[in-house]
Amino acid sequence: MSSTHRQTHLSHVQIEALRRELEEQLAWRRSQLQSLHASAGDSKGADGTWQELTASIVAADRAIADITHALERLDAGTYGRCVECETEIPFERLKIRPLARFCIRCQRRHEAA
């Protein structure tokens, strides 16, 4: 049976708490991105500010994509499972890192690579 058909190990209350957290992060990041774009439009590109703004815009775009993917996994029923080994990711880890895609073991492997 594929992971998209598995019953989640997270309770309804846990899922809703994580969804709210992700949606709040998404709203904040979108607001941040809008502010960064406004600042970029006002910037004259002097003293390295342009590079910093560009890096911040790229980081905000990436964060928005990561949050959006987490919400998609939540809707698909695959959120809270390691994308590599399909092990359940504990709620305590997801509370701290709601964007976690890997269990601790797989995360360590990725960091070591």
PDB file of N, CA and C in Angstrom:
ATOM      1  N   MET A   1       0.842  -1.167   0.000  1.00  0.00           N
ATOM      2  CA  MET A   1       0.000   0.000   0.000  1.00  0.00           C
ATOM      3  C   MET A   1       0.892   1.236   0.000  1.00  0.00           C
ATOM      4  N   SER A   2       0.623   2.214  -0.825  1.00  0.00           N
ATOM      5  CA  SER A   2       1.465   3.405  -0.893  1.00  0.00           C
ATOM      6  C   SER A   2       1.176   4.315   0.288  1.00  0.00           C
ATOM      7  N   SER A   3       2.109   5.227   0.564  1.00  0.00           N
ATOM      8  CA  SER A   3       1.970   6.108   1.712  1.00  0.00           C
ATOM      9  C   SER A   3       0.791   7.057   1.574  1.00  0.00           C
ATOM     10  N   THR A   4       0.329   7.321   0.364  1.00  0.00           N
ATOM     11  CA  THR A   4      -0.806   8.231   0.194  1.00  0.00           C
ATOM     12  C   THR A   4      -2.101   7.608   0.674  1.00  0.00           C
ATOM     13  N   HIS A   5      -2.129   6.291   0.878  1.00  0.00           N
ATOM     14  CA  HIS A   5      -3.334   5.619   1.331  1.00  0.00           C
ATOM     15  C   HIS A   5      -3.261   5.206   2.799  1.00  0.00           C
ATOM     16  N   ARG A   6      -2.166   5.512   3.466  1.00  0.00           N
ATOM     17  CA  ARG A   6      -2.018   5.133   4.865  1.00  0.00           C
ATOM     18  C   ARG A   6      -2.777   6.092   5.766  1.00  0.00           C
ATOM     19  N   GLN A   7      -3.211   5.556   6.863  1.00  0.00           N
ATOM     20  CA  GLN A   7      -3.847   6.378   7.885  1.00  0.00           C
ATOM     21  C   GLN A   7      -2.733   7.145   8.597  1.00  0.00           C
ATOM     22  N   THR A   8      -2.937   8.418   8.824  1.00  0.00           N
ATOM     23  CA  THR A   8      -1.920   9.210   9.502  1.00  0.00           C
ATOM     24  C   THR A   8      -1.853   8.851  10.987  1.00  0.00           C
ATOM     25  N   HIS A   9      -0.678   8.996  11.554  1.00  0.00           N
ATOM     26  CA  HIS A   9      -0.479   8.729  12.977  1.00  0.00           C
ATOM     27  C   HIS A   9      -0.819   9.954  13.814  1.00  0.00           C
ATOM     28  N   LEU A  10      -1.109  11.067  13.160  1.00  0.00           N
ATOM     29  CA  LEU A  10      -1.420  12.309  13.855  1.00  0.00           C
ATOM     30  C   LEU A  10      -2.924  12.400  14.113  1.00  0.00           C
ATOM     31  N   SER A  11      -3.275  12.926  15.267  1.00  0.00           N
ATOM     32  CA  SER A  11      -4.692  13.101  15.577  1.00  0.00           C
ATOM     33  C   SER A  11      -5.241  14.300  14.797  1.00  0.00           C
ATOM     34  N   HIS A  12      -6.555  14.379  14.750  1.00  0.00           N
ATOM     35  CA  HIS A  12      -7.211  15.503  14.073  1.00  0.00           C
ATOM     36  C   HIS A  12      -6.781  16.831  14.709  1.00  0.00           C
ATOM     37  N   VAL A  13      -6.693  16.864  16.023  1.00  0.00           N
ATOM     38  CA  VAL A  13      -6.287  18.075  16.743  1.00  0.00           C
ATOM     39  C   VAL A  13      -4.854  18.454  16.373  1.00  0.00           C
ATOM     40  N   GLN A  14      -3.955  17.469  16.316  1.00  0.00           N
ATOM     41  CA  GLN A  14      -2.570  17.731  15.947  1.00  0.00           C
ATOM     42  C   GLN A  14      -2.481  18.244  14.514  1.00  0.00           C
ATOM     43  N   ILE A  15      -3.208  17.623  13.608  1.00  0.00           N
ATOM     44  CA  ILE A  15      -3.201  18.035  12.205  1.00  0.00           C
ATOM     45  C   ILE A  15      -3.687  19.477  12.076  1.00  0.00           C
ATOM     46  N   GLU A  16      -4.755  19.806  12.764  1.00  0.00           N
ATOM     47  CA  GLU A  16      -5.296  21.167  12.675  1.00  0.00           C
ATOM     48  C   GLU A  16      -4.328  22.188  13.278  1.00  0.00           C
ATOM     49  N   ALA A  17      -3.654  21.832  14.366  1.00  0.00           N
ATOM     50  CA  ALA A  17      -2.667  22.733  14.968  1.00  0.00           C
ATOM     51  C   ALA A  17      -1.508  22.972  14.002  1.00  0.00           C
ATOM     52  N   LEU A  18      -1.044  21.909  13.365  1.00  0.00           N
ATOM     53  CA  LEU A  18       0.044  22.034  12.398  1.00  0.00           C
ATOM     54  C   LEU A  18      -0.406  22.816  11.165  1.00  0.00           C
ATOM     55  N   ARG A  19      -1.632  22.589  10.719  1.00  0.00           N
ATOM     56  CA  ARG A  19      -2.165  23.332   9.569  1.00  0.00           C
ATOM     57  C   ARG A  19      -2.200  24.835   9.887  1.00  0.00           C
ATOM     58  N   ARG A  20      -2.703  25.171  11.074  1.00  0.00           N
ATOM     59  CA  ARG A  20      -2.754  26.594  11.464  1.00  0.00           C
ATOM     60  C   ARG A  20      -1.363  27.202  11.473  1.00  0.00           C
ATOM     61  N   GLU A  21      -0.401  26.472  12.033  1.00  0.00           N
ATOM     62  CA  GLU A  21       0.982  26.961  12.092  1.00  0.00           C
ATOM     63  C   GLU A  21       1.522  27.186  10.681  1.00  0.00           C
ATOM     64  N   LEU A  22       1.313  26.227   9.804  1.00  0.00           N
ATOM     65  CA  LEU A  22       1.794  26.354   8.428  1.00  0.00           C
ATOM     66  C   LEU A  22       1.111  27.507   7.702  1.00  0.00           C
ATOM     67  N   GLU A  23      -0.186  27.659   7.891  1.00  0.00           N
ATOM     68  CA  GLU A  23      -0.911  28.752   7.240  1.00  0.00           C
ATOM     69  C   GLU A  23      -0.462  30.114   7.765  1.00  0.00           C
ATOM     70  N   GLU A  24      -0.158  30.204   9.066  1.00  0.00           N
ATOM     71  CA  GLU A  24       0.364  31.448   9.636  1.00  0.00           C
ATOM     72  C   GLU A  24       1.741  31.759   9.055  1.00  0.00           C
ATOM     73  N   GLN A  25       2.588  30.738   8.954  1.00  0.00           N
ATOM     74  CA  GLN A  25       3.909  30.937   8.359  1.00  0.00           C
ATOM     75  C   GLN A  25       3.791  31.387   6.905  1.00  0.00           C
ATOM     76  N   LEU A  26       2.867  30.788   6.171  1.00  0.00           N
ATOM     77  CA  LEU A  26       2.668  31.140   4.770  1.00  0.00           C
ATOM     78  C   LEU A  26       2.219  32.595   4.635  1.00  0.00           C
ATOM     79  N   ALA A  27       1.267  33.018   5.449  1.00  0.00           N
ATOM     80  CA  ALA A  27       0.793  34.405   5.407  1.00  0.00           C
ATOM     81  C   ALA A  27       1.925  35.373   5.740  1.00  0.00           C
ATOM     82  N   TRP A  28       2.720  35.043   6.764  1.00  0.00           N
ATOM     83  CA  TRP A  28       3.835  35.905   7.150  1.00  0.00           C
ATOM     84  C   TRP A  28       4.875  35.987   6.030  1.00  0.00           C
ATOM     85  N   ARG A  29       5.213  34.848   5.437  1.00  0.00           N
ATOM     86  CA  ARG A  29       6.202  34.836   4.353  1.00  0.00           C
ATOM     87  C   ARG A  29       5.708  35.607   3.127  1.00  0.00           C
ATOM     88  N   ARG A  30       4.434  35.488   2.810  1.00  0.00           N
ATOM     89  CA  ARG A  30       3.883  36.236   1.674  1.00  0.00           C
ATOM     90  C   ARG A  30       3.949  37.737   1.939  1.00  0.00           C
ATOM     91  N   SER A  31       3.641  38.144   3.163  1.00  0.00           N
ATOM     92  CA  SER A  31       3.736  39.546   3.542  1.00  0.00           C
ATOM     93  C   SER A  31       5.189  40.022   3.462  1.00  0.00           C
ATOM     94  N   GLN A  32       6.087  39.192   3.952  1.00  0.00           N
ATOM     95  CA  GLN A  32       7.512  39.509   3.892  1.00  0.00           C
ATOM     96  C   GLN A  32       7.963  39.669   2.447  1.00  0.00           C
ATOM     97  N   LEU A  33       7.542  38.759   1.587  1.00  0.00           N
ATOM     98  CA  LEU A  33       7.936  38.815   0.182  1.00  0.00           C
ATOM     99  C   LEU A  33       7.410  40.087  -0.479  1.00  0.00           C
ATOM    100  N   GLN A  34       6.184  40.448  -0.163  1.00  0.00           N
ATOM    101  CA  GLN A  34       5.602  41.674  -0.717  1.00  0.00           C
ATOM    102  C   GLN A  34       6.430  42.892  -0.281  1.00  0.00           C
ATOM    103  N   SER A  35       6.826  42.935   0.981  1.00  0.00           N
ATOM    104  CA  SER A  35       7.657  44.034   1.483  1.00  0.00           C
ATOM    105  C   SER A  35       9.020  44.056   0.817  1.00  0.00           C
ATOM    106  N   LEU A  36       9.593  42.882   0.615  1.00  0.00           N
ATOM    107  CA  LEU A  36      10.898  42.805  -0.035  1.00  0.00           C
ATOM    108  C   LEU A  36      10.826  43.294  -1.482  1.00  0.00           C
ATOM    109  N   HIS A  37       9.763  42.905  -2.178  1.00  0.00           N
ATOM    110  CA  HIS A  37       9.597  43.376  -3.555  1.00  0.00           C
ATOM    111  C   HIS A  37       9.433  44.895  -3.594  1.00  0.00           C
ATOM    112  N   ALA A  38       8.713  45.445  -2.642  1.00  0.00           N
ATOM    113  CA  ALA A  38       8.543  46.896  -2.572  1.00  0.00           C
ATOM    114  C   ALA A  38       9.887  47.568  -2.304  1.00  0.00           C
ATOM    115  N   SER A  39      10.678  46.992  -1.396  1.00  0.00           N
ATOM    116  CA  SER A  39      12.002  47.542  -1.102  1.00  0.00           C
ATOM    117  C   SER A  39      12.918  47.441  -2.309  1.00  0.00           C
ATOM    118  N   ALA A  40      12.814  46.347  -3.028  1.00  0.00           N
ATOM    119  CA  ALA A  40      13.659  46.171  -4.217  1.00  0.00           C
ATOM    120  C   ALA A  40      13.312  47.210  -5.274  1.00  0.00           C
ATOM    121  N   GLY A  41      12.038  47.528  -5.388  1.00  0.00           N
ATOM    122  CA  GLY A  41      11.620  48.542  -6.352  1.00  0.00           C
ATOM    123  C   GLY A  41      12.133  49.922  -5.988  1.00  0.00           C
ATOM    124  N   ASP A  42      12.305  50.193  -4.689  1.00  0.00           N
ATOM    125  CA  ASP A  42      12.791  51.487  -4.209  1.00  0.00           C
ATOM    126  C   ASP A  42      14.310  51.560  -4.144  1.00  0.00           C
ATOM    127  N   SER A  43      14.988  50.414  -4.201  1.00  0.00           N
ATOM    128  CA  SER A  43      16.442  50.361  -4.033  1.00  0.00           C
ATOM    129  C   SER A  43      17.158  50.875  -5.270  1.00  0.00           C
ATOM    130  N   LYS A  44      18.237  51.569  -5.014  1.00  0.00           N
ATOM    131  CA  LYS A  44      19.084  52.068  -6.101  1.00  0.00           C
ATOM    132  C   LYS A  44      20.245  51.109  -6.385  1.00  0.00           C
ATOM    133  N   GLY A  45      20.339  50.029  -5.625  1.00  0.00           N
ATOM    134  CA  GLY A  45      21.384  49.035  -5.844  1.00  0.00           C
ATOM    135  C   GLY A  45      22.721  49.426  -5.261  1.00  0.00           C
ATOM    136  N   ALA A  46      22.746  50.409  -4.407  1.00  0.00           N
ATOM    137  CA  ALA A  46      24.004  50.878  -3.834  1.00  0.00           C
ATOM    138  C   ALA A  46      24.422  50.015  -2.655  1.00  0.00           C
ATOM    139  N   ASP A  47      25.673  50.044  -2.360  1.00  0.00           N
ATOM    140  CA  ASP A  47      26.338  49.434  -1.202  1.00  0.00           C
ATOM    141  C   ASP A  47      25.920  48.004  -0.874  1.00  0.00           C
ATOM    142  N   GLY A  48      25.707  47.195  -1.871  1.00  0.00           N
ATOM    143  CA  GLY A  48      25.419  45.778  -1.654  1.00  0.00           C
ATOM    144  C   GLY A  48      24.000  45.490  -1.224  1.00  0.00           C
ATOM    145  N   THR A  49      23.187  46.511  -1.072  1.00  0.00           N
ATOM    146  CA  THR A  49      21.802  46.312  -0.643  1.00  0.00           C
ATOM    147  C   THR A  49      21.037  45.470  -1.642  1.00  0.00           C
ATOM    148  N   TRP A  50      21.294  45.676  -2.914  1.00  0.00           N
ATOM    149  CA  TRP A  50      20.582  44.924  -3.958  1.00  0.00           C
ATOM    150  C   TRP A  50      20.824  43.428  -3.823  1.00  0.00           C
ATOM    151  N   GLN A  51      22.071  43.040  -3.571  1.00  0.00           N
ATOM    152  CA  GLN A  51      22.388  41.615  -3.412  1.00  0.00           C
ATOM    153  C   GLN A  51      21.693  41.032  -2.188  1.00  0.00           C
ATOM    154  N   GLU A  52      21.663  41.785  -1.104  1.00  0.00           N
ATOM    155  CA  GLU A  52      20.990  41.321   0.110  1.00  0.00           C
ATOM    156  C   GLU A  52      19.493  41.170  -0.128  1.00  0.00           C
ATOM    157  N   LEU A  53      18.895  42.130  -0.808  1.00  0.00           N
ATOM    158  CA  LEU A  53      17.470  42.056  -1.119  1.00  0.00           C
ATOM    159  C   LEU A  53      17.174  40.861  -2.014  1.00  0.00           C
ATOM    160  N   THR A  54      18.001  40.657  -3.017  1.00  0.00           N
ATOM    161  CA  THR A  54      17.804  39.532  -3.930  1.00  0.00           C
ATOM    162  C   THR A  54      17.896  38.204  -3.180  1.00  0.00           C
ATOM    163  N   ALA A  55      18.885  38.076  -2.304  1.00  0.00           N
ATOM    164  CA  ALA A  55      19.036  36.850  -1.517  1.00  0.00           C
ATOM    165  C   ALA A  55      17.829  36.646  -0.595  1.00  0.00           C
ATOM    166  N   SER A  56      17.325  37.718  -0.013  1.00  0.00           N
ATOM    167  CA  SER A  56      16.155  37.623   0.857  1.00  0.00           C
ATOM    168  C   SER A  56      14.904  37.235   0.078  1.00  0.00           C
ATOM    169  N   ILE A  57      14.758  37.768  -1.123  1.00  0.00           N
ATOM    170  CA  ILE A  57      13.612  37.423  -1.977  1.00  0.00           C
ATOM    171  C   ILE A  57      13.664  35.950  -2.359  1.00  0.00           C
ATOM    172  N   VAL A  58      14.844  35.472  -2.729  1.00  0.00           N
ATOM    173  CA  VAL A  58      14.998  34.059  -3.089  1.00  0.00           C
ATOM    174  C   VAL A  58      14.678  33.172  -1.890  1.00  0.00           C
ATOM    175  N   ALA A  59      15.155  33.549  -0.708  1.00  0.00           N
ATOM    176  CA  ALA A  59      14.890  32.761   0.505  1.00  0.00           C
ATOM    177  C   ALA A  59      13.394  32.754   0.842  1.00  0.00           C
ATOM    178  N   ALA A  60      12.732  33.893   0.699  1.00  0.00           N
ATOM    179  CA  ALA A  60      11.297  33.962   0.979  1.00  0.00           C
ATOM    180  C   ALA A  60      10.507  33.135  -0.027  1.00  0.00           C
ATOM    181  N   ASP A  61      10.902  33.199  -1.315  1.00  0.00           N
ATOM    182  CA  ASP A  61      10.249  32.377  -2.342  1.00  0.00           C
ATOM    183  C   ASP A  61      10.384  30.898  -2.007  1.00  0.00           C
ATOM    184  N   ARG A  62      11.571  30.493  -1.599  1.00  0.00           N
ATOM    185  CA  ARG A  62      11.828  29.093  -1.268  1.00  0.00           C
ATOM    186  C   ARG A  62      11.004  28.663  -0.054  1.00  0.00           C
ATOM    187  N   ALA A  63      10.925  29.525   0.949  1.00  0.00           N
ATOM    188  CA  ALA A  63      10.143  29.212   2.142  1.00  0.00           C
ATOM    189  C   ALA A  63       8.665  29.052   1.786  1.00  0.00           C
ATOM    190  N   ILE A  64       8.156  29.923   0.926  1.00  0.00           N
ATOM    191  CA  ILE A  64       6.762  29.826   0.491  1.00  0.00           C
ATOM    192  C   ILE A  64       6.527  28.497  -0.227  1.00  0.00           C
ATOM    193  N   ALA A  65       7.453  28.121  -1.092  1.00  0.00           N
ATOM    194  CA  ALA A  65       7.325  26.841  -1.803  1.00  0.00           C
ATOM    195  C   ALA A  65       7.343  25.668  -0.819  1.00  0.00           C
ATOM    196  N   ASP A  66       8.240  25.705   0.169  1.00  0.00           N
ATOM    197  CA  ASP A  66       8.330  24.628   1.162  1.00  0.00           C
ATOM    198  C   ASP A  66       7.047  24.523   1.990  1.00  0.00           C
ATOM    199  N   ILE A  67       6.512  25.663   2.396  1.00  0.00           N
ATOM    200  CA  ILE A  67       5.278  25.658   3.188  1.00  0.00           C
ATOM    201  C   ILE A  67       4.113  25.149   2.345  1.00  0.00           C
ATOM    202  N   THR A  68       4.048  25.594   1.098  1.00  0.00           N
ATOM    203  CA  THR A  68       2.990  25.147   0.197  1.00  0.00           C
ATOM    204  C   THR A  68       3.053  23.632  -0.004  1.00  0.00           C
ATOM    205  N   HIS A  69       4.258  23.095  -0.176  1.00  0.00           N
ATOM    206  CA  HIS A  69       4.410  21.644  -0.330  1.00  0.00           C
ATOM    207  C   HIS A  69       3.992  20.909   0.936  1.00  0.00           C
ATOM    208  N   ALA A  70       4.307  21.467   2.109  1.00  0.00           N
ATOM    209  CA  ALA A  70       3.897  20.840   3.366  1.00  0.00           C
ATOM    210  C   ALA A  70       2.368  20.808   3.465  1.00  0.00           C
ATOM    211  N   LEU A  71       1.713  21.902   3.083  1.00  0.00           N
ATOM    212  CA  LEU A  71       0.243  21.930   3.106  1.00  0.00           C
ATOM    213  C   LEU A  71      -0.338  20.932   2.104  1.00  0.00           C
ATOM    214  N   GLU A  72       0.308  20.779   0.958  1.00  0.00           N
ATOM    215  CA  GLU A  72      -0.148  19.789  -0.029  1.00  0.00           C
ATOM    216  C   GLU A  72      -0.009  18.375   0.528  1.00  0.00           C
ATOM    217  N   ARG A  73       1.114  18.100   1.221  1.00  0.00           N
ATOM    218  CA  ARG A  73       1.295  16.782   1.836  1.00  0.00           C
ATOM    219  C   ARG A  73       0.259  16.556   2.933  1.00  0.00           C
ATOM    220  N   LEU A  74      -0.081  17.613   3.652  1.00  0.00           N
ATOM    221  CA  LEU A  74      -1.109  17.515   4.694  1.00  0.00           C
ATOM    222  C   LEU A  74      -2.447  17.133   4.064  1.00  0.00           C
ATOM    223  N   ASP A  75      -2.806  17.783   2.973  1.00  0.00           N
ATOM    224  CA  ASP A  75      -4.061  17.476   2.274  1.00  0.00           C
ATOM    225  C   ASP A  75      -4.052  16.070   1.667  1.00  0.00           C
ATOM    226  N   ALA A  76      -2.884  15.623   1.220  1.00  0.00           N
ATOM    227  CA  ALA A  76      -2.777  14.304   0.593  1.00  0.00           C
ATOM    228  C   ALA A  76      -2.681  13.171   1.614  1.00  0.00           C
ATOM    229  N   GLY A  77      -2.492  13.520   2.885  1.00  0.00           N
ATOM    230  CA  GLY A  77      -2.367  12.490   3.913  1.00  0.00           C
ATOM    231  C   GLY A  77      -0.967  11.926   4.051  1.00  0.00           C
ATOM    232  N   THR A  78       0.022  12.556   3.419  1.00  0.00           N
ATOM    233  CA  THR A  78       1.397  12.066   3.501  1.00  0.00           C
ATOM    234  C   THR A  78       2.255  12.900   4.442  1.00  0.00           C
ATOM    235  N   TYR A  79       1.708  13.990   4.957  1.00  0.00           N
ATOM    236  CA  TYR A  79       2.432  14.844   5.887  1.00  0.00           C
ATOM    237  C   TYR A  79       2.691  14.060   7.176  1.00  0.00           C
ATOM    238  N   GLY A  80       3.874  14.253   7.742  1.00  0.00           N
ATOM    239  CA  GLY A  80       4.202  13.571   8.990  1.00  0.00           C
ATOM    240  C   GLY A  80       4.868  12.225   8.790  1.00  0.00           C
ATOM    241  N   ARG A  81       5.162  11.907   7.531  1.00  0.00           N
ATOM    242  CA  ARG A  81       5.914  10.688   7.206  1.00  0.00           C
ATOM    243  C   ARG A  81       7.177  11.096   6.474  1.00  0.00           C
ATOM    244  N   CYS A  82       8.261  10.415   6.777  1.00  0.00           N
ATOM    245  CA  CYS A  82       9.529  10.664   6.112  1.00  0.00           C
ATOM    246  C   CYS A  82       9.361  10.406   4.611  1.00  0.00           C
ATOM    247  N   VAL A  83       9.793  11.364   3.786  1.00  0.00           N
ATOM    248  CA  VAL A  83       9.645  11.200   2.340  1.00  0.00           C
ATOM    249  C   VAL A  83      10.607  10.151   1.790  1.00  0.00           C
ATOM    250  N   GLU A  84      11.582   9.760   2.600  1.00  0.00           N
ATOM    251  CA  GLU A  84      12.540   8.763   2.140  1.00  0.00           C
ATOM    252  C   GLU A  84      12.182   7.352   2.591  1.00  0.00           C
ATOM    253  N   CYS A  85      11.960   7.166   3.882  1.00  0.00           N
ATOM    254  CA  CYS A  85      11.725   5.806   4.394  1.00  0.00           C
ATOM    255  C   CYS A  85      10.285   5.580   4.859  1.00  0.00           C
ATOM    256  N   GLU A  86       9.466   6.607   4.824  1.00  0.00           N
ATOM    257  CA  GLU A  86       8.050   6.576   5.205  1.00  0.00           C
ATOM    258  C   GLU A  86       7.812   6.325   6.691  1.00  0.00           C
ATOM    259  N   THR A  87       8.846   6.460   7.518  1.00  0.00           N
ATOM    260  CA  THR A  87       8.697   6.350   8.960  1.00  0.00           C
ATOM    261  C   THR A  87       7.874   7.534   9.456  1.00  0.00           C
ATOM    262  N   GLU A  88       7.065   7.294  10.475  1.00  0.00           N
ATOM    263  CA  GLU A  88       6.293   8.385  11.065  1.00  0.00           C
ATOM    264  C   GLU A  88       7.228   9.385  11.730  1.00  0.00           C
ATOM    265  N   ILE A  89       7.009  10.660  11.454  1.00  0.00           N
ATOM    266  CA  ILE A  89       7.764  11.725  12.114  1.00  0.00           C
ATOM    267  C   ILE A  89       6.948  12.125  13.347  1.00  0.00           C
ATOM    268  N   PRO A  90       7.549  12.066  14.533  1.00  0.00           N
ATOM    269  CA  PRO A  90       6.799  12.366  15.759  1.00  0.00           C
ATOM    270  C   PRO A  90       6.232  13.786  15.759  1.00  0.00           C
ATOM    271  N   PHE A  91       5.062  13.930  16.347  1.00  0.00           N
ATOM    272  CA  PHE A  91       4.406  15.234  16.447  1.00  0.00           C
ATOM    273  C   PHE A  91       5.321  16.257  17.108  1.00  0.00           C
ATOM    274  N   GLU A  92       6.087  15.837  18.112  1.00  0.00           N
ATOM    275  CA  GLU A  92       6.986  16.751  18.818  1.00  0.00           C
ATOM    276  C   GLU A  92       8.001  17.363  17.852  1.00  0.00           C
ATOM    277  N   ARG A  93       8.505  16.587  16.922  1.00  0.00           N
ATOM    278  CA  ARG A  93       9.445  17.108  15.910  1.00  0.00           C
ATOM    279  C   ARG A  93       8.714  18.058  14.963  1.00  0.00           C
ATOM    280  N   LEU A  94       7.513  17.690  14.559  1.00  0.00           N
ATOM    281  CA  LEU A  94       6.753  18.524  13.630  1.00  0.00           C
ATOM    282  C   LEU A  94       6.335  19.845  14.282  1.00  0.00           C
ATOM    283  N   LYS A  95       6.087  19.845  15.592  1.00  0.00           N
ATOM    284  CA  LYS A  95       5.770  21.092  16.289  1.00  0.00           C
ATOM    285  C   LYS A  95       6.949  22.052  16.208  1.00  0.00           C
ATOM    286  N   ILE A  96       8.146  21.514  16.345  1.00  0.00           N
ATOM    287  CA  ILE A  96       9.354  22.339  16.323  1.00  0.00           C
ATOM    288  C   ILE A  96       9.745  22.697  14.892  1.00  0.00           C
ATOM    289  N   ARG A  97       9.625  21.724  13.990  1.00  0.00           N
ATOM    290  CA  ARG A  97       9.986  21.915  12.581  1.00  0.00           C
ATOM    291  C   ARG A  97       8.825  21.458  11.706  1.00  0.00           C
ATOM    292  N   PRO A  98       7.805  22.301  11.548  1.00  0.00           N
ATOM    293  CA  PRO A  98       6.631  21.883  10.779  1.00  0.00           C
ATOM    294  C   PRO A  98       6.946  21.545   9.323  1.00  0.00           C
ATOM    295  N   LEU A  99       8.088  21.986   8.820  1.00  0.00           N
ATOM    296  CA  LEU A  99       8.461  21.686   7.436  1.00  0.00           C
ATOM    297  C   LEU A  99       9.313  20.420   7.321  1.00  0.00           C
ATOM    298  N   ALA A 100       9.509  19.726   8.434  1.00  0.00           N
ATOM    299  CA  ALA A 100      10.335  18.512   8.418  1.00  0.00           C
ATOM    300  C   ALA A 100       9.774  17.514   7.409  1.00  0.00           C
ATOM    301  N   ARG A 101      10.649  17.052   6.524  1.00  0.00           N
ATOM    302  CA  ARG A 101      10.259  16.052   5.526  1.00  0.00           C
ATOM    303  C   ARG A 101      10.907  14.709   5.803  1.00  0.00           C
ATOM    304  N   PHE A 102      11.897  14.709   6.676  1.00  0.00           N
ATOM    305  CA  PHE A 102      12.659  13.499   6.958  1.00  0.00           C
ATOM    306  C   PHE A 102      12.589  13.151   8.438  1.00  0.00           C
ATOM    307  N   CYS A 103      12.662  11.851   8.737  1.00  0.00           N
ATOM    308  CA  CYS A 103      12.833  11.418  10.116  1.00  0.00           C
ATOM    309  C   CYS A 103      14.253  11.806  10.535  1.00  0.00           C
ATOM    310  N   ILE A 104      14.550  11.696  11.801  1.00  0.00           N
ATOM    311  CA  ILE A 104      15.877  12.093  12.303  1.00  0.00           C
ATOM    312  C   ILE A 104      16.981  11.310  11.604  1.00  0.00           C
ATOM    313  N   ARG A 105      16.796   9.996  11.464  1.00  0.00           N
ATOM    314  CA  ARG A 105      17.833   9.149  10.848  1.00  0.00           C
ATOM    315  C   ARG A 105      18.122   9.595   9.421  1.00  0.00           C
ATOM    316  N   CYS A 106      17.088   9.779   8.625  1.00  0.00           N
ATOM    317  CA  CYS A 106      17.284  10.188   7.227  1.00  0.00           C
ATOM    318  C   CYS A 106      17.813  11.612   7.141  1.00  0.00           C
ATOM    319  N   GLN A 107      17.380  12.488   8.055  1.00  0.00           N
ATOM    320  CA  GLN A 107      17.877  13.860   8.072  1.00  0.00           C
ATOM    321  C   GLN A 107      19.379  13.869   8.315  1.00  0.00           C
ATOM    322  N   ARG A 108      19.830  13.069   9.274  1.00  0.00           N
ATOM    323  CA  ARG A 108      21.270  12.982   9.558  1.00  0.00           C
ATOM    324  C   ARG A 108      22.040  12.477   8.346  1.00  0.00           C
ATOM    325  N   ARG A 109      21.464  11.505   7.646  1.00  0.00           N
ATOM    326  CA  ARG A 109      22.117  10.995   6.433  1.00  0.00           C
ATOM    327  C   ARG A 109      22.247  12.075   5.378  1.00  0.00           C
ATOM    328  N   HIS A 110      21.210  12.868   5.214  1.00  0.00           N
ATOM    329  CA  HIS A 110      21.244  13.944   4.215  1.00  0.00           C
ATOM    330  C   HIS A 110      22.246  15.022   4.588  1.00  0.00           C
ATOM    331  N   GLU A 111      22.317  15.334   5.876  1.00  0.00           N
ATOM    332  CA  GLU A 111      23.266  16.356   6.330  1.00  0.00           C
ATOM    333  C   GLU A 111      24.705  15.891   6.189  1.00  0.00           C
ATOM    334  N   ALA A 112      24.933  14.586   6.325  1.00  0.00           N
ATOM    335  CA  ALA A 112      26.288  14.043   6.226  1.00  0.00           C
ATOM    336  C   ALA A 112      26.749  13.924   4.776  1.00  0.00           C
ATOM    337  N   ALA A 113      25.805  13.877   3.860  1.00  0.00           N
ATOM    338  CA  ALA A 113      26.143  13.679   2.438  1.00  0.00           C
ATOM    339  C   ALA A 113      26.738  14.923   1.805  1.00  0.00           C
TER     340      ALA A 113
END
